[in-house]
Amino acid sequence: MIVGFNWGGWTLVSSAKKQASKQSDAAVVSVLAPICVDNFNASPDMVANLEALDGQSSYKRTGYIEDGSWAVMPGTDKAGAGVAKACAKMLTES
């Protein structure tokens, strides 16, 4: 059994579920973050908002995006986990 788990690639069901959950969360974020960027860029005060976002410290940028509701997708009341963070990163790196 030790050989199977260490070198054979065996995994427990709980480990497989955790890995699948991480991968699906990452996939959702990678699809929704560009939509958030588009929402941000379509806002009437985009230039002022971008300057304000750049003026925020890195750990407050996620909150700024959430407060502006750019990461909130139709049919939901709040941003998905990681979407606002990825959106802020995309906006400040471009």
C-alpha atoms as a PDB file:
ATOM      1  CA  MET A   1       0.000   0.000   0.000  1.00  0.00           C
ATOM      2  CA  ILE A   2       2.841   2.376   0.810  1.00  0.00           C
ATOM      3  CA  VAL A   3       4.294   1.831  -2.642  1.00  0.00           C
ATOM      4  CA  GLY A   4       0.893   2.417  -4.251  1.00  0.00           C
ATOM      5  CA  PHE A   5       0.251   5.725  -2.507  1.00  0.00           C
ATOM      6  CA  ASN A   6       3.798   7.058  -2.721  1.00  0.00           C
ATOM      7  CA  TRP A   7       4.870   5.936  -6.195  1.00  0.00           C
ATOM      8  CA  GLY A   8       1.833   4.397  -7.828  1.00  0.00           C
ATOM      9  CA  GLY A   9      -0.233   7.558  -8.012  1.00  0.00           C
ATOM     10  CA  TRP A  10      -3.017   6.293  -5.785  1.00  0.00           C
ATOM     11  CA  THR A  11      -5.104   8.928  -4.024  1.00  0.00           C
ATOM     12  CA  LEU A  12      -7.809   8.905  -1.414  1.00  0.00           C
ATOM     13  CA  VAL A  13     -11.307   9.928  -2.422  1.00  0.00           C
ATOM     14  CA  SER A  14     -11.125  12.948  -0.104  1.00  0.00           C
ATOM     15  CA  SER A  15      -7.862  14.102  -1.716  1.00  0.00           C
ATOM     16  CA  ALA A  16      -9.316  13.671  -5.187  1.00  0.00           C
ATOM     17  CA  LYS A  17     -12.412  15.686  -4.229  1.00  0.00           C
ATOM     18  CA  LYS A  18     -10.271  18.506  -2.820  1.00  0.00           C
ATOM     19  CA  GLN A  19      -8.171  18.624  -5.988  1.00  0.00           C
ATOM     20  CA  ALA A  20     -11.269  18.588  -8.211  1.00  0.00           C
ATOM     21  CA  SER A  21     -12.799  21.413  -6.187  1.00  0.00           C
ATOM     22  CA  LYS A  22      -9.636  23.528  -6.508  1.00  0.00           C
ATOM     23  CA  GLN A  23      -9.516  22.944 -10.247  1.00  0.00           C
ATOM     24  CA  SER A  24     -13.171  23.815 -10.768  1.00  0.00           C
ATOM     25  CA  ASP A  25     -12.824  26.982  -8.652  1.00  0.00           C
ATOM     26  CA  ALA A  26      -9.801  28.022 -10.717  1.00  0.00           C
ATOM     27  CA  ALA A  27     -11.723  27.384 -13.942  1.00  0.00           C
ATOM     28  CA  VAL A  28     -14.656  29.498 -12.794  1.00  0.00           C
ATOM     29  CA  VAL A  29     -12.352  32.360 -11.771  1.00  0.00           C
ATOM     30  CA  SER A  30     -10.519  32.230 -15.105  1.00  0.00           C
ATOM     31  CA  VAL A  31     -13.835  32.619 -16.954  1.00  0.00           C
ATOM     32  CA  LEU A  32     -15.446  35.253 -14.716  1.00  0.00           C
ATOM     33  CA  ALA A  33     -12.438  37.536 -14.111  1.00  0.00           C
ATOM     34  CA  PRO A  34     -12.349  38.827 -17.730  1.00  0.00           C
ATOM     35  CA  ILE A  35     -16.069  39.584 -17.487  1.00  0.00           C
ATOM     36  CA  CYS A  36     -15.335  41.606 -14.357  1.00  0.00           C
ATOM     37  CA  VAL A  37     -12.625  43.500 -16.270  1.00  0.00           C
ATOM     38  CA  ASP A  38     -15.116  44.234 -19.062  1.00  0.00           C
ATOM     39  CA  ASN A  39     -17.668  45.467 -16.497  1.00  0.00           C
ATOM     40  CA  PHE A  40     -15.015  47.704 -14.949  1.00  0.00           C
ATOM     41  CA  ASN A  41     -13.916  49.085 -18.329  1.00  0.00           C
ATOM     42  CA  ALA A  42     -17.526  49.762 -19.338  1.00  0.00           C
ATOM     43  CA  SER A  43     -18.211  51.873 -16.261  1.00  0.00           C
ATOM     44  CA  PRO A  44     -18.719  55.589 -16.973  1.00  0.00           C
ATOM     45  CA  ASP A  45     -15.921  56.656 -14.597  1.00  0.00           C
ATOM     46  CA  MET A  46     -13.435  54.007 -15.702  1.00  0.00           C
ATOM     47  CA  VAL A  47     -10.382  56.296 -15.706  1.00  0.00           C
ATOM     48  CA  ALA A  48     -11.116  57.663 -12.239  1.00  0.00           C
ATOM     49  CA  ASN A  49     -11.901  54.162 -10.950  1.00  0.00           C
ATOM     50  CA  LEU A  50      -8.636  52.802 -12.350  1.00  0.00           C
ATOM     51  CA  GLU A  51      -6.684  55.612 -10.687  1.00  0.00           C
ATOM     52  CA  ALA A  52      -8.471  54.896  -7.425  1.00  0.00           C
ATOM     53  CA  LEU A  53      -7.760  51.165  -7.781  1.00  0.00           C
ATOM     54  CA  ASP A  54      -4.073  51.849  -8.448  1.00  0.00           C
ATOM     55  CA  GLY A  55      -4.003  54.064  -5.360  1.00  0.00           C
ATOM     56  CA  GLN A  56      -5.220  51.232  -3.141  1.00  0.00           C
ATOM     57  CA  SER A  57      -2.781  48.958  -1.365  1.00  0.00           C
ATOM     58  CA  SER A  58      -2.639  45.492  -2.891  1.00  0.00           C
ATOM     59  CA  TYR A  59      -4.681  43.869  -0.126  1.00  0.00           C
ATOM     60  CA  LYS A  60      -7.494  46.457  -0.404  1.00  0.00           C
ATOM     61  CA  ARG A  61      -7.946  46.167  -4.181  1.00  0.00           C
ATOM     62  CA  THR A  62     -10.186  43.113  -3.901  1.00  0.00           C
ATOM     63  CA  GLY A  63     -12.530  45.011  -1.602  1.00  0.00           C
ATOM     64  CA  TYR A  64     -12.571  47.976  -3.975  1.00  0.00           C
ATOM     65  CA  ILE A  65     -13.636  45.716  -6.858  1.00  0.00           C
ATOM     66  CA  GLU A  66     -16.284  44.062  -4.686  1.00  0.00           C
ATOM     67  CA  ASP A  67     -17.598  47.435  -3.475  1.00  0.00           C
ATOM     68  CA  GLY A  68     -17.909  48.626  -7.077  1.00  0.00           C
ATOM     69  CA  SER A  69     -19.927  45.462  -7.892  1.00  0.00           C
ATOM     70  CA  TRP A  70     -17.919  44.831 -11.072  1.00  0.00           C
ATOM     71  CA  ALA A  71     -17.281  41.220 -10.018  1.00  0.00           C
ATOM     72  CA  VAL A  72     -20.943  40.485  -9.218  1.00  0.00           C
ATOM     73  CA  MET A  73     -22.347  38.361 -12.017  1.00  0.00           C
ATOM     74  CA  PRO A  74     -25.994  38.419 -13.131  1.00  0.00           C
ATOM     75  CA  GLY A  75     -28.179  36.250 -10.939  1.00  0.00           C
ATOM     76  CA  THR A  76     -25.908  36.554  -7.891  1.00  0.00           C
ATOM     77  CA  ASP A  77     -25.737  39.020  -5.004  1.00  0.00           C
ATOM     78  CA  LYS A  78     -21.977  38.921  -4.389  1.00  0.00           C
ATOM     79  CA  ALA A  79     -18.720  38.239  -6.167  1.00  0.00           C
ATOM     80  CA  GLY A  80     -17.523  34.668  -6.421  1.00  0.00           C
ATOM     81  CA  ALA A  81     -14.522  33.622  -4.382  1.00  0.00           C
ATOM     82  CA  GLY A  82     -11.356  34.769  -6.083  1.00  0.00           C
ATOM     83  CA  VAL A  83     -13.059  36.611  -8.952  1.00  0.00           C
ATOM     84  CA  ALA A  84     -12.564  40.111  -7.523  1.00  0.00           C
ATOM     85  CA  LYS A  85      -8.952  39.338  -6.645  1.00  0.00           C
ATOM     86  CA  ALA A  86      -8.181  38.041 -10.137  1.00  0.00           C
ATOM     87  CA  CYS A  87     -10.022  40.997 -11.666  1.00  0.00           C
ATOM     88  CA  ALA A  88      -8.008  43.513  -9.641  1.00  0.00           C
ATOM     89  CA  LYS A  89      -4.799  41.740 -10.614  1.00  0.00           C
ATOM     90  CA  MET A  90      -5.714  41.831 -14.309  1.00  0.00           C
ATOM     91  CA  LEU A  91      -6.613  45.519 -14.144  1.00  0.00           C
ATOM     92  CA  THR A  92      -3.480  46.619 -12.341  1.00  0.00           C
ATOM     93  CA  GLU A  93      -1.093  44.546 -14.446  1.00  0.00           C
ATOM     94  CA  SER A  94      -2.288  45.863 -17.802  1.00  0.00           C
END
